[in-house]
Amino acid sequence: MTSNWLLEPCRTPDASIEAGARARQASLTKPPGSLGALEVAAVRLAALQRSSRPAVDPAWISIFAGDHGVAEEGVSAFPQAVTGEMLRNFANGGAAISVLAHELGATLEVVNLGTVNDPGEITGVRRAIIAASTANFCLQPAMTTAQLQAALDAGAHSVAAAQAGGARIFIGGEMGIANTTAASALGCALLGLPPGVLSGAGTGLDAGGVAHKARVIAQALATHAGATTVLEQLRCLGGFEIAALTGVYVAAAQGGLPVLVDGFIATVAALAAVRINPGCRDWLLFSHCSHEHGHARVLAALDAEPLLDLGLRLGEGSGAAIAFPLLRLACALHNGMATFEQAGVSEA
């Protein structure tokens, strides 16, 4: 594939089905609008799925893992070895997203895009190795053009697998020590913001650690000030897993598959995707507002209204998985409630 696929048109929601879904919501045995965001979600899913009976089962979850060269700047509370170690934990069912996927009956795909301590072949982990790590973006671009393309294509590959598996919704997650630094740097470049606005605690940094992270990001932004297109900003400041998620969001919209976006890192990838191909915005639903500093700012840039605010900041797609049952219930209410006429109940 070449990056040209990113610019192919996205599918459009069905306006007539959307109108019908809205009319059905108005006829159900409840005061109009009384189910709030659940009504909005059901109507949106009906329009996206071109179905009067929207559904989100089965769900597909892909977790993309990759290491970051900027970790050598000491921007994480955890050692870089954790990225590779977590791949085995995902596959063995011990990670939060593994437990959540099991409870939801969702397919869980784990994709290794490249880790410093490569764990080798693991049952349940797809190897799509690009390199052991991105480069330290304080010194040079994080990725080559070919590496960026491979990461974007990896995301599209997972969308194709999800659609082949009959998925009705896609959840993308990430794992990579130092990836909140990469996401913050990319978000600052996309939004024209200073590092302090988006830099947060990540894996648990104290105030001094957050200040150091902001200085590292400032150095990276200065180094790559000449990167003026979104793809160049993603190449210079992103990570393999962030680029893969960017590819997911565009490919899913092109293929007509709704996406439930996770937390801060995933939302920065979504912002990049929308800047590259604005048509994909319609296909993005947002799960939660992360406790990670700066997430609310990125959500606002996308005019996104997340379903939850639980103080989460784990990543891995966990926030989206936790919000998923709300979409399941929204569809059940939309499809299963009686209308005033069916129930013989007087309308207002």
C-alpha atoms as a PDB file:
ATOM      1  CA  MET A   1       0.000   0.000   0.000  1.00  0.00           C
ATOM      2  CA  THR A   2       1.043   3.618  -0.412  1.00  0.00           C
ATOM      3  CA  SER A   3      -0.070   6.515   1.753  1.00  0.00           C
ATOM      4  CA  ASN A   4      -2.428   7.557  -1.047  1.00  0.00           C
ATOM      5  CA  TRP A   5      -5.057   5.197   0.390  1.00  0.00           C
ATOM      6  CA  LEU A   6      -5.408   7.571   3.325  1.00  0.00           C
ATOM      7  CA  LEU A   7      -7.031  10.137   1.052  1.00  0.00           C
ATOM      8  CA  GLU A   8      -9.643   7.820  -0.427  1.00  0.00           C
ATOM      9  CA  PRO A   9     -13.184   8.950   0.510  1.00  0.00           C
ATOM     10  CA  CYS A  10     -14.849   7.694   3.663  1.00  0.00           C
ATOM     11  CA  ARG A  11     -18.353   6.324   3.698  1.00  0.00           C
ATOM     12  CA  THR A  12     -21.129   8.680   4.708  1.00  0.00           C
ATOM     13  CA  PRO A  13     -23.875   8.103   7.298  1.00  0.00           C
ATOM     14  CA  ASP A  14     -27.358   7.354   5.915  1.00  0.00           C
ATOM     15  CA  ALA A  15     -29.425  10.490   6.490  1.00  0.00           C
ATOM     16  CA  SER A  16     -32.789   8.796   5.914  1.00  0.00           C
ATOM     17  CA  ILE A  17     -32.054   6.031   8.421  1.00  0.00           C
ATOM     18  CA  GLU A  18     -30.797   8.644  10.866  1.00  0.00           C
ATOM     19  CA  ALA A  19     -34.087  10.534  10.550  1.00  0.00           C
ATOM     20  CA  GLY A  20     -36.038   7.327  11.066  1.00  0.00           C
ATOM     21  CA  ALA A  21     -33.982   6.433  14.150  1.00  0.00           C
ATOM     22  CA  ARG A  22     -34.551   9.883  15.594  1.00  0.00           C
ATOM     23  CA  ALA A  23     -38.270   9.570  14.973  1.00  0.00           C
ATOM     24  CA  ARG A  24     -38.318   6.181  16.684  1.00  0.00           C
ATOM     25  CA  GLN A  25     -36.567   7.633  19.733  1.00  0.00           C
ATOM     26  CA  ALA A  26     -39.253  10.315  19.902  1.00  0.00           C
ATOM     27  CA  SER A  27     -41.986   7.647  19.855  1.00  0.00           C
ATOM     28  CA  LEU A  28     -40.599   5.422  22.633  1.00  0.00           C
ATOM     29  CA  THR A  29     -42.240   5.288  26.059  1.00  0.00           C
ATOM     30  CA  LYS A  30     -40.109   7.938  27.753  1.00  0.00           C
ATOM     31  CA  PRO A  31     -39.897  11.723  27.833  1.00  0.00           C
ATOM     32  CA  PRO A  32     -38.050  12.973  24.741  1.00  0.00           C
ATOM     33  CA  GLY A  33     -34.300  13.091  25.284  1.00  0.00           C
ATOM     34  CA  SER A  34     -34.516  11.470  28.715  1.00  0.00           C
ATOM     35  CA  LEU A  35     -31.886   8.833  27.882  1.00  0.00           C
ATOM     36  CA  GLY A  36     -29.439  11.551  26.901  1.00  0.00           C
ATOM     37  CA  ALA A  37     -26.218  10.367  25.314  1.00  0.00           C
ATOM     38  CA  LEU A  38     -27.585   6.843  24.889  1.00  0.00           C
ATOM     39  CA  GLU A  39     -30.216   8.160  22.484  1.00  0.00           C
ATOM     40  CA  VAL A  40     -27.607  10.121  20.553  1.00  0.00           C
ATOM     41  CA  ALA A  41     -25.353   7.054  20.306  1.00  0.00           C
ATOM     42  CA  ALA A  42     -28.136   4.777  19.088  1.00  0.00           C
ATOM     43  CA  VAL A  43     -29.221   7.219  16.389  1.00  0.00           C
ATOM     44  CA  ARG A  44     -25.608   7.728  15.319  1.00  0.00           C
ATOM     45  CA  LEU A  45     -24.921   3.997  15.107  1.00  0.00           C
ATOM     46  CA  ALA A  46     -28.108   3.432  13.101  1.00  0.00           C
ATOM     47  CA  ALA A  47     -26.979   6.026  10.552  1.00  0.00           C
ATOM     48  CA  LEU A  48     -23.434   4.657  10.372  1.00  0.00           C
ATOM     49  CA  GLN A  49     -24.503   1.029  10.091  1.00  0.00           C
ATOM     50  CA  ARG A  50     -27.352   1.912   7.711  1.00  0.00           C
ATOM     51  CA  SER A  51     -29.645  -0.175   9.860  1.00  0.00           C
ATOM     52  CA  SER A  52     -32.852   0.610  11.741  1.00  0.00           C
ATOM     53  CA  ARG A  53     -31.664  -1.886  14.372  1.00  0.00           C
ATOM     54  CA  PRO A  54     -28.110  -0.879  15.282  1.00  0.00           C
ATOM     55  CA  ALA A  55     -25.851  -3.331  17.130  1.00  0.00           C
ATOM     56  CA  VAL A  56     -22.289  -3.316  18.429  1.00  0.00           C
ATOM     57  CA  ASP A  57     -21.723  -7.041  18.921  1.00  0.00           C
ATOM     58  CA  PRO A  58     -19.383  -8.568  18.020  1.00  0.00           C
ATOM     59  CA  ALA A  59     -16.657  -6.111  18.960  1.00  0.00           C
ATOM     60  CA  TRP A  60     -13.043  -6.277  17.801  1.00  0.00           C
ATOM     61  CA  ILE A  61     -10.154  -4.938  19.893  1.00  0.00           C
ATOM     62  CA  SER A  62      -6.655  -4.463  18.450  1.00  0.00           C
ATOM     63  CA  ILE A  63      -3.761  -3.504  20.700  1.00  0.00           C
ATOM     64  CA  PHE A  64      -0.695  -2.108  18.920  1.00  0.00           C
ATOM     65  CA  ALA A  65       2.629  -2.209  20.766  1.00  0.00           C
ATOM     66  CA  GLY A  66       5.855  -0.415  19.900  1.00  0.00           C
ATOM     67  CA  ASP A  67       8.856   1.082  21.626  1.00  0.00           C
ATOM     68  CA  HIS A  68      10.037   4.693  21.474  1.00  0.00           C
ATOM     69  CA  GLY A  69      13.562   6.032  21.091  1.00  0.00           C
ATOM     70  CA  VAL A  70      12.716   9.051  23.232  1.00  0.00           C
ATOM     71  CA  ALA A  71      12.560   6.707  26.241  1.00  0.00           C
ATOM     72  CA  GLU A  72      16.319   7.186  26.519  1.00  0.00           C
ATOM     73  CA  GLU A  73      15.587  10.747  27.682  1.00  0.00           C
ATOM     74  CA  GLY A  74      14.123   9.383  30.932  1.00  0.00           C
ATOM     75  CA  VAL A  75      10.520  10.446  30.321  1.00  0.00           C
ATOM     76  CA  SER A  76       8.793   7.379  31.814  1.00  0.00           C
ATOM     77  CA  ALA A  77       8.496   6.008  35.339  1.00  0.00           C
ATOM     78  CA  PHE A  78       8.779   2.453  33.940  1.00  0.00           C
ATOM     79  CA  PRO A  79      11.714   0.798  32.138  1.00  0.00           C
ATOM     80  CA  GLN A  80      11.457   0.280  28.394  1.00  0.00           C
ATOM     81  CA  ALA A  81      11.542  -3.497  28.850  1.00  0.00           C
ATOM     82  CA  VAL A  82       7.921  -3.323  29.999  1.00  0.00           C
ATOM     83  CA  THR A  83       6.624  -2.929  26.426  1.00  0.00           C
ATOM     84  CA  GLY A  84       7.874  -6.327  25.316  1.00  0.00           C
ATOM     85  CA  GLU A  85       6.970  -7.936  28.632  1.00  0.00           C
ATOM     86  CA  MET A  86       3.391  -6.704  28.364  1.00  0.00           C
ATOM     87  CA  LEU A  87       2.940  -8.461  25.022  1.00  0.00           C
ATOM     88  CA  ARG A  88       3.138 -11.789  26.832  1.00  0.00           C
ATOM     89  CA  ASN A  89       0.827 -10.494  29.558  1.00  0.00           C
ATOM     90  CA  PHE A  90      -1.767  -9.476  26.958  1.00  0.00           C
ATOM     91  CA  ALA A  91      -1.612 -12.888  25.321  1.00  0.00           C
ATOM     92  CA  ASN A  92      -1.754 -14.748  28.633  1.00  0.00           C
ATOM     93  CA  GLY A  93      -4.884 -12.909  29.714  1.00  0.00           C
ATOM     94  CA  GLY A  94      -3.304 -10.987  32.592  1.00  0.00           C
ATOM     95  CA  ALA A  95      -3.665  -7.410  31.346  1.00  0.00           C
ATOM     96  CA  ALA A  96      -6.674  -5.199  32.022  1.00  0.00           C
ATOM     97  CA  ILE A  97      -7.717  -5.204  28.368  1.00  0.00           C
ATOM     98  CA  SER A  98      -7.414  -9.002  28.264  1.00  0.00           C
ATOM     99  CA  VAL A  99      -9.857  -9.339  31.153  1.00  0.00           C
ATOM    100  CA  LEU A 100     -12.208  -6.755  29.673  1.00  0.00           C
ATOM    101  CA  ALA A 101     -12.193  -8.378  26.215  1.00  0.00           C
ATOM    102  CA  HIS A 102     -13.020 -11.738  27.800  1.00  0.00           C
ATOM    103  CA  GLU A 103     -15.894 -10.265  29.807  1.00  0.00           C
ATOM    104  CA  LEU A 104     -17.268  -8.487  26.734  1.00  0.00           C
ATOM    105  CA  GLY A 105     -16.961 -11.513  24.462  1.00  0.00           C
ATOM    106  CA  ALA A 106     -14.818  -9.407  22.141  1.00  0.00           C
ATOM    107  CA  THR A 107     -12.052 -10.591  19.837  1.00  0.00           C
ATOM    108  CA  LEU A 108      -8.668  -9.386  21.100  1.00  0.00           C
ATOM    109  CA  GLU A 109      -5.821  -8.978  18.614  1.00  0.00           C
ATOM    110  CA  VAL A 110      -2.339  -8.032  19.851  1.00  0.00           C
ATOM    111  CA  VAL A 111       0.079  -6.618  17.280  1.00  0.00           C
ATOM    112  CA  ASN A 112       3.834  -6.332  17.906  1.00  0.00           C
ATOM    113  CA  LEU A 113       5.183  -3.491  15.777  1.00  0.00           C
ATOM    114  CA  GLY A 114       8.628  -3.602  17.350  1.00  0.00           C
ATOM    115  CA  THR A 115      10.072  -3.732  20.866  1.00  0.00           C
ATOM    116  CA  VAL A 116      13.596  -3.293  22.213  1.00  0.00           C
ATOM    117  CA  ASN A 117      13.445  -6.602  24.067  1.00  0.00           C
ATOM    118  CA  ASP A 118      11.721  -8.685  21.404  1.00  0.00           C
ATOM    119  CA  PRO A 119       9.890 -11.555  23.137  1.00  0.00           C
ATOM    120  CA  GLY A 120       9.825 -13.589  19.923  1.00  0.00           C
ATOM    121  CA  GLU A 121       6.893 -15.633  18.729  1.00  0.00           C
ATOM    122  CA  ILE A 122       3.982 -15.596  21.180  1.00  0.00           C
ATOM    123  CA  THR A 123       0.737 -17.435  20.573  1.00  0.00           C
ATOM    124  CA  GLY A 124      -1.956 -14.818  20.166  1.00  0.00           C
ATOM    125  CA  VAL A 125       0.409 -12.011  19.132  1.00  0.00           C
ATOM    126  CA  ARG A 126       0.708 -10.981  15.480  1.00  0.00           C
ATOM    127  CA  ARG A 127       4.242  -9.999  14.534  1.00  0.00           C
ATOM    128  CA  ALA A 128       4.323  -6.986  12.247  1.00  0.00           C
ATOM    129  CA  ILE A 129       7.812  -5.806  13.211  1.00  0.00           C
ATOM    130  CA  ILE A 130       8.841  -2.464  11.735  1.00  0.00           C
ATOM    131  CA  ALA A 131      11.966  -1.909  13.848  1.00  0.00           C
ATOM    132  CA  ALA A 132      13.023  -2.490  17.435  1.00  0.00           C
ATOM    133  CA  SER A 133      12.031   1.072  18.238  1.00  0.00           C
ATOM    134  CA  THR A 134      11.426   4.459  16.747  1.00  0.00           C
ATOM    135  CA  ALA A 135      14.396   6.825  16.785  1.00  0.00           C
ATOM    136  CA  ASN A 136      14.880   9.412  19.523  1.00  0.00           C
ATOM    137  CA  PHE A 137      12.916  12.307  18.057  1.00  0.00           C
ATOM    138  CA  CYS A 138      14.928  14.837  20.019  1.00  0.00           C
ATOM    139  CA  LEU A 139      17.763  14.059  17.614  1.00  0.00           C
ATOM    140  CA  GLN A 140      16.102  12.892  14.372  1.00  0.00           C
ATOM    141  CA  PRO A 141      12.690  11.950  12.973  1.00  0.00           C
ATOM    142  CA  ALA A 142      11.035   9.148  14.904  1.00  0.00           C
ATOM    143  CA  MET A 143      10.344   7.191  11.702  1.00  0.00           C
ATOM    144  CA  THR A 144      11.487   6.941   8.144  1.00  0.00           C
ATOM    145  CA  THR A 145       8.884   7.366   5.445  1.00  0.00           C
ATOM    146  CA  ALA A 146       8.828   3.594   4.896  1.00  0.00           C
ATOM    147  CA  GLN A 147       8.383   2.915   8.613  1.00  0.00           C
ATOM    148  CA  LEU A 148       5.485   5.354   8.846  1.00  0.00           C
ATOM    149  CA  GLN A 149       3.852   3.681   5.864  1.00  0.00           C
ATOM    150  CA  ALA A 150       4.267   0.253   7.442  1.00  0.00           C
ATOM    151  CA  ALA A 151       2.662   1.421  10.667  1.00  0.00           C
ATOM    152  CA  LEU A 152      -0.295   3.024   8.868  1.00  0.00           C
ATOM    153  CA  ASP A 153      -0.752  -0.144   6.824  1.00  0.00           C
ATOM    154  CA  ALA A 154      -0.664  -2.276   9.977  1.00  0.00           C
ATOM    155  CA  GLY A 155      -3.693  -0.382  11.222  1.00  0.00           C
ATOM    156  CA  ALA A 156      -5.527  -0.890   7.942  1.00  0.00           C
ATOM    157  CA  HIS A 157      -4.658  -4.602   8.070  1.00  0.00           C
ATOM    158  CA  SER A 158      -6.354  -4.930  11.462  1.00  0.00           C
ATOM    159  CA  VAL A 159      -9.473  -3.162  10.212  1.00  0.00           C
ATOM    160  CA  ALA A 160      -9.663  -5.590   7.292  1.00  0.00           C
ATOM    161  CA  ALA A 161      -9.322  -8.519   9.714  1.00  0.00           C
ATOM    162  CA  ALA A 162     -12.051  -7.096  11.940  1.00  0.00           C
ATOM    163  CA  GLN A 163     -14.440  -6.702   9.028  1.00  0.00           C
ATOM    164  CA  ALA A 164     -13.642 -10.194   7.774  1.00  0.00           C
ATOM    165  CA  GLY A 165     -14.491 -11.410  11.291  1.00  0.00           C
ATOM    166  CA  GLY A 166     -17.899  -9.735  11.205  1.00  0.00           C
ATOM    167  CA  ALA A 167     -17.125  -7.001  13.738  1.00  0.00           C
ATOM    168  CA  ARG A 168     -19.740  -4.287  14.237  1.00  0.00           C
ATOM    169  CA  ILE A 169     -17.414  -1.913  16.089  1.00  0.00           C
ATOM    170  CA  PHE A 170     -13.645  -1.483  16.422  1.00  0.00           C
ATOM    171  CA  ILE A 171     -11.655  -0.556  19.531  1.00  0.00           C
ATOM    172  CA  GLY A 172      -7.987   0.330  19.150  1.00  0.00           C
ATOM    173  CA  GLY A 173      -5.504   0.342  22.015  1.00  0.00           C
ATOM    174  CA  GLU A 174      -1.786   0.935  22.447  1.00  0.00           C
ATOM    175  CA  MET A 175       1.196  -0.071  24.542  1.00  0.00           C
ATOM    176  CA  GLY A 176       4.612   1.548  24.446  1.00  0.00           C
ATOM    177  CA  ILE A 177       6.792   3.011  27.165  1.00  0.00           C
ATOM    178  CA  ALA A 178       7.207   6.774  26.525  1.00  0.00           C
ATOM    179  CA  ASN A 179       4.197   6.949  24.228  1.00  0.00           C
ATOM    180  CA  THR A 180       2.472   9.689  26.221  1.00  0.00           C
ATOM    181  CA  THR A 181       5.535  11.802  25.436  1.00  0.00           C
ATOM    182  CA  ALA A 182       5.171  11.044  21.735  1.00  0.00           C
ATOM    183  CA  ALA A 183       1.425  11.688  21.810  1.00  0.00           C
ATOM    184  CA  SER A 184       1.916  14.963  23.664  1.00  0.00           C
ATOM    185  CA  ALA A 185       4.547  16.125  21.195  1.00  0.00           C
ATOM    186  CA  LEU A 186       2.356  15.229  18.237  1.00  0.00           C
ATOM    187  CA  GLY A 187      -0.692  16.847  19.825  1.00  0.00           C
ATOM    188  CA  CYS A 188       1.258  20.048  20.453  1.00  0.00           C
ATOM    189  CA  ALA A 189       2.401  20.126  16.831  1.00  0.00           C
ATOM    190  CA  LEU A 190      -1.111  19.503  15.499  1.00  0.00           C
ATOM    191  CA  LEU A 191      -2.741  22.099  17.738  1.00  0.00           C
ATOM    192  CA  GLY A 192       0.070  24.648  17.915  1.00  0.00           C
ATOM    193  CA  LEU A 193       0.232  24.404  21.704  1.00  0.00           C
ATOM    194  CA  PRO A 194       3.186  24.709  24.097  1.00  0.00           C
ATOM    195  CA  PRO A 195       4.338  21.457  25.770  1.00  0.00           C
ATOM    196  CA  GLY A 196       3.035  22.361  29.215  1.00  0.00           C
ATOM    197  CA  VAL A 197      -0.553  22.282  27.999  1.00  0.00           C
ATOM    198  CA  LEU A 198      -0.535  18.590  27.047  1.00  0.00           C
ATOM    199  CA  SER A 199       2.291  17.093  29.129  1.00  0.00           C
ATOM    200  CA  GLY A 200       1.022  14.847  31.912  1.00  0.00           C
ATOM    201  CA  ALA A 201       2.084  12.187  34.390  1.00  0.00           C
ATOM    202  CA  GLY A 202       1.834   9.287  31.945  1.00  0.00           C
ATOM    203  CA  THR A 203       2.948   6.162  33.805  1.00  0.00           C
ATOM    204  CA  GLY A 204       3.175   8.058  37.083  1.00  0.00           C
ATOM    205  CA  LEU A 205       5.743  10.854  36.878  1.00  0.00           C
ATOM    206  CA  ASP A 206       5.977  13.370  39.713  1.00  0.00           C
ATOM    207  CA  ALA A 207       5.932  17.127  39.102  1.00  0.00           C
ATOM    208  CA  GLY A 208       9.649  17.170  38.351  1.00  0.00           C
ATOM    209  CA  GLY A 209       9.250  14.329  35.885  1.00  0.00           C
ATOM    210  CA  VAL A 210       6.401  16.096  34.107  1.00  0.00           C
ATOM    211  CA  ALA A 211       8.493  19.270  33.838  1.00  0.00           C
ATOM    212  CA  HIS A 212      11.367  17.260  32.371  1.00  0.00           C
ATOM    213  CA  LYS A 213       8.986  15.646  29.882  1.00  0.00           C
ATOM    214  CA  ALA A 214       7.797  19.110  28.801  1.00  0.00           C
ATOM    215  CA  ARG A 215      11.399  20.198  28.214  1.00  0.00           C
ATOM    216  CA  VAL A 216      12.056  17.102  26.110  1.00  0.00           C
ATOM    217  CA  ILE A 217       8.935  17.791  24.057  1.00  0.00           C
ATOM    218  CA  ALA A 218       9.974  21.417  23.574  1.00  0.00           C
ATOM    219  CA  GLN A 219      13.331  20.229  22.226  1.00  0.00           C
ATOM    220  CA  ALA A 220      11.579  17.826  19.840  1.00  0.00           C
ATOM    221  CA  LEU A 221       9.197  20.506  18.588  1.00  0.00           C
ATOM    222  CA  ALA A 222      12.125  22.819  17.916  1.00  0.00           C
ATOM    223  CA  THR A 223      14.046  20.064  16.137  1.00  0.00           C
ATOM    224  CA  HIS A 224      11.111  19.334  13.828  1.00  0.00           C
ATOM    225  CA  ALA A 225       9.694  22.818  13.386  1.00  0.00           C
ATOM    226  CA  GLY A 226      10.007  22.318   9.633  1.00  0.00           C
ATOM    227  CA  ALA A 227       7.476  19.457   9.659  1.00  0.00           C
ATOM    228  CA  THR A 228       4.366  21.292   8.496  1.00  0.00           C
ATOM    229  CA  THR A 229       2.130  18.541   7.079  1.00  0.00           C
ATOM    230  CA  VAL A 230       0.255  16.131   9.333  1.00  0.00           C
ATOM    231  CA  LEU A 231       2.015  13.100   7.870  1.00  0.00           C
ATOM    232  CA  GLU A 232       5.411  14.713   8.433  1.00  0.00           C
ATOM    233  CA  GLN A 233       4.476  15.628  12.001  1.00  0.00           C
ATOM    234  CA  LEU A 234       3.326  12.053  12.569  1.00  0.00           C
ATOM    235  CA  ARG A 235       6.554  10.716  11.046  1.00  0.00           C
ATOM    236  CA  CYS A 236       8.816  13.000  13.051  1.00  0.00           C
ATOM    237  CA  LEU A 237       7.032  12.950  16.424  1.00  0.00           C
ATOM    238  CA  GLY A 238       4.798   9.883  16.546  1.00  0.00           C
ATOM    239  CA  GLY A 239       5.271   6.227  17.257  1.00  0.00           C
ATOM    240  CA  PHE A 240       4.560   2.990  15.451  1.00  0.00           C
ATOM    241  CA  GLU A 241       1.441   2.316  17.529  1.00  0.00           C
ATOM    242  CA  ILE A 242       0.182   5.898  17.224  1.00  0.00           C
ATOM    243  CA  ALA A 243       0.550   5.756  13.436  1.00  0.00           C
ATOM    244  CA  ALA A 244      -1.161   2.355  13.361  1.00  0.00           C
ATOM    245  CA  LEU A 245      -4.141   3.816  15.226  1.00  0.00           C
ATOM    246  CA  THR A 246      -4.202   6.726  12.779  1.00  0.00           C
ATOM    247  CA  GLY A 247      -4.405   4.178   9.968  1.00  0.00           C
ATOM    248  CA  VAL A 248      -7.174   2.341  11.816  1.00  0.00           C
ATOM    249  CA  TYR A 249      -9.395   5.390  12.055  1.00  0.00           C
ATOM    250  CA  VAL A 250      -9.135   6.266   8.382  1.00  0.00           C
ATOM    251  CA  ALA A 251      -9.451   2.677   7.117  1.00  0.00           C
ATOM    252  CA  ALA A 252     -12.426   1.952   9.374  1.00  0.00           C
ATOM    253  CA  ALA A 253     -14.270   5.019   8.083  1.00  0.00           C
ATOM    254  CA  GLN A 254     -13.489   4.055   4.508  1.00  0.00           C
ATOM    255  CA  GLY A 255     -14.833   0.560   5.179  1.00  0.00           C
ATOM    256  CA  GLY A 256     -17.926   1.642   7.085  1.00  0.00           C
ATOM    257  CA  LEU A 257     -16.899   0.307  10.519  1.00  0.00           C
ATOM    258  CA  PRO A 258     -17.666   2.495  13.565  1.00  0.00           C
ATOM    259  CA  VAL A 259     -14.828   3.029  16.040  1.00  0.00           C
ATOM    260  CA  LEU A 260     -14.907   3.613  19.786  1.00  0.00           C
ATOM    261  CA  VAL A 261     -11.851   5.758  20.546  1.00  0.00           C
ATOM    262  CA  ASP A 262      -9.927   5.199  23.773  1.00  0.00           C
ATOM    263  CA  GLY A 263      -7.946   7.733  25.834  1.00  0.00           C
ATOM    264  CA  PHE A 264      -5.334  10.437  25.348  1.00  0.00           C
ATOM    265  CA  ILE A 265      -2.919   8.642  23.023  1.00  0.00           C
ATOM    266  CA  ALA A 266      -5.707   7.168  20.901  1.00  0.00           C
ATOM    267  CA  THR A 267      -7.415  10.563  20.690  1.00  0.00           C
ATOM    268  CA  VAL A 268      -4.247  12.269  19.459  1.00  0.00           C
ATOM    269  CA  ALA A 269      -4.058   9.590  16.767  1.00  0.00           C
ATOM    270  CA  ALA A 270      -7.710  10.327  15.962  1.00  0.00           C
ATOM    271  CA  LEU A 271      -6.912  14.025  15.629  1.00  0.00           C
ATOM    272  CA  ALA A 272      -4.149  13.186  13.158  1.00  0.00           C
ATOM    273  CA  ALA A 273      -6.525  10.934  11.219  1.00  0.00           C
ATOM    274  CA  VAL A 274      -9.200  13.628  10.990  1.00  0.00           C
ATOM    275  CA  ARG A 275      -6.635  16.194   9.860  1.00  0.00           C
ATOM    276  CA  ILE A 276      -5.496  13.783   7.131  1.00  0.00           C
ATOM    277  CA  ASN A 277      -8.980  12.708   6.031  1.00  0.00           C
ATOM    278  CA  PRO A 278     -11.782  14.785   7.603  1.00  0.00           C
ATOM    279  CA  GLY A 279     -14.427  12.328   6.445  1.00  0.00           C
ATOM    280  CA  CYS A 280     -13.377   9.845   9.105  1.00  0.00           C
ATOM    281  CA  ARG A 281     -14.660  12.059  11.930  1.00  0.00           C
ATOM    282  CA  ASP A 282     -18.249  10.806  11.499  1.00  0.00           C
ATOM    283  CA  TRP A 283     -17.124   7.265  12.349  1.00  0.00           C
ATOM    284  CA  LEU A 284     -15.457   8.085  15.643  1.00  0.00           C
ATOM    285  CA  LEU A 285     -17.285   7.719  18.945  1.00  0.00           C
ATOM    286  CA  PHE A 286     -15.371   8.711  22.068  1.00  0.00           C
ATOM    287  CA  SER A 287     -15.376   6.538  25.150  1.00  0.00           C
ATOM    288  CA  HIS A 288     -14.087   8.617  28.035  1.00  0.00           C
ATOM    289  CA  CYS A 289     -12.171  11.655  29.196  1.00  0.00           C
ATOM    290  CA  SER A 290      -8.854  10.425  30.516  1.00  0.00           C
ATOM    291  CA  HIS A 291      -7.278  11.688  33.712  1.00  0.00           C
ATOM    292  CA  GLU A 292      -4.162  12.285  31.620  1.00  0.00           C
ATOM    293  CA  HIS A 293      -3.422  15.990  31.479  1.00  0.00           C
ATOM    294  CA  GLY A 294      -4.331  17.442  28.108  1.00  0.00           C
ATOM    295  CA  HIS A 295      -6.877  14.868  26.967  1.00  0.00           C
ATOM    296  CA  ALA A 296      -9.807  17.252  27.409  1.00  0.00           C
ATOM    297  CA  ARG A 297      -8.026  19.765  25.174  1.00  0.00           C
ATOM    298  CA  VAL A 298      -7.624  17.238  22.364  1.00  0.00           C
ATOM    299  CA  LEU A 299     -11.242  16.080  22.733  1.00  0.00           C
ATOM    300  CA  ALA A 300     -12.380  19.695  22.439  1.00  0.00           C
ATOM    301  CA  ALA A 301     -10.390  20.092  19.222  1.00  0.00           C
ATOM    302  CA  LEU A 302     -12.401  17.192  17.796  1.00  0.00           C
ATOM    303  CA  ASP A 303     -15.702  18.529  19.176  1.00  0.00           C
ATOM    304  CA  ALA A 304     -16.013  15.165  20.937  1.00  0.00           C
ATOM    305  CA  GLU A 305     -18.354  14.356  23.815  1.00  0.00           C
ATOM    306  CA  PRO A 306     -17.075  11.230  25.583  1.00  0.00           C
ATOM    307  CA  LEU A 307     -19.418   8.817  27.322  1.00  0.00           C
ATOM    308  CA  LEU A 308     -17.541   8.521  30.626  1.00  0.00           C
ATOM    309  CA  ASP A 309     -15.238  10.363  32.989  1.00  0.00           C
ATOM    310  CA  LEU A 310     -13.907   7.873  35.541  1.00  0.00           C
ATOM    311  CA  GLY A 311     -10.399   9.184  36.112  1.00  0.00           C
ATOM    312  CA  LEU A 312      -8.899   6.478  33.878  1.00  0.00           C
ATOM    313  CA  ARG A 313      -5.402   6.757  32.359  1.00  0.00           C
ATOM    314  CA  LEU A 314      -4.308   3.188  31.670  1.00  0.00           C
ATOM    315  CA  GLY A 315      -4.531   3.068  27.876  1.00  0.00           C
ATOM    316  CA  GLU A 316      -4.543  -0.382  26.230  1.00  0.00           C
ATOM    317  CA  GLY A 317      -8.035   0.391  24.897  1.00  0.00           C
ATOM    318  CA  SER A 318      -9.316  -0.199  28.430  1.00  0.00           C
ATOM    319  CA  GLY A 319     -11.434   2.951  28.674  1.00  0.00           C
ATOM    320  CA  ALA A 320     -13.153   2.162  25.386  1.00  0.00           C
ATOM    321  CA  ALA A 321     -13.796  -1.408  26.521  1.00  0.00           C
ATOM    322  CA  ILE A 322     -15.325  -0.119  29.766  1.00  0.00           C
ATOM    323  CA  ALA A 323     -17.591   2.250  27.820  1.00  0.00           C
ATOM    324  CA  PHE A 324     -18.590  -0.417  25.298  1.00  0.00           C
ATOM    325  CA  PRO A 325     -21.491  -1.846  27.382  1.00  0.00           C
ATOM    326  CA  LEU A 326     -23.125   1.588  27.277  1.00  0.00           C
ATOM    327  CA  LEU A 327     -23.299   1.337  23.489  1.00  0.00           C
ATOM    328  CA  ARG A 328     -24.638  -2.207  23.804  1.00  0.00           C
ATOM    329  CA  LEU A 329     -27.369  -0.939  26.131  1.00  0.00           C
ATOM    330  CA  ALA A 330     -28.089   2.072  23.910  1.00  0.00           C
ATOM    331  CA  CYS A 331     -28.806  -0.290  21.019  1.00  0.00           C
ATOM    332  CA  ALA A 332     -30.916  -2.603  23.200  1.00  0.00           C
ATOM    333  CA  LEU A 333     -33.045   0.309  24.379  1.00  0.00           C
ATOM    334  CA  HIS A 334     -33.454   1.666  20.865  1.00  0.00           C
ATOM    335  CA  ASN A 335     -34.417  -1.711  19.428  1.00  0.00           C
ATOM    336  CA  GLY A 336     -36.420  -3.152  22.311  1.00  0.00           C
ATOM    337  CA  MET A 337     -38.468  -0.422  23.949  1.00  0.00           C
ATOM    338  CA  ALA A 338     -42.151  -0.129  23.072  1.00  0.00           C
ATOM    339  CA  THR A 339     -43.572   2.917  21.392  1.00  0.00           C
ATOM    340  CA  PHE A 340     -46.412   4.847  23.009  1.00  0.00           C
ATOM    341  CA  GLU A 341     -48.801   3.348  20.471  1.00  0.00           C
ATOM    342  CA  GLN A 342     -47.598  -0.231  21.036  1.00  0.00           C
ATOM    343  CA  ALA A 343     -47.818   0.072  24.790  1.00  0.00           C
ATOM    344  CA  GLY A 344     -51.127   1.944  24.873  1.00  0.00           C
ATOM    345  CA  VAL A 345     -49.530   4.754  26.854  1.00  0.00           C
ATOM    346  CA  SER A 346     -50.709   8.333  26.474  1.00  0.00           C
ATOM    347  CA  GLU A 347     -48.209  10.748  24.940  1.00  0.00           C
ATOM    348  CA  ALA A 348     -47.393  14.177  26.281  1.00  0.00           C
END
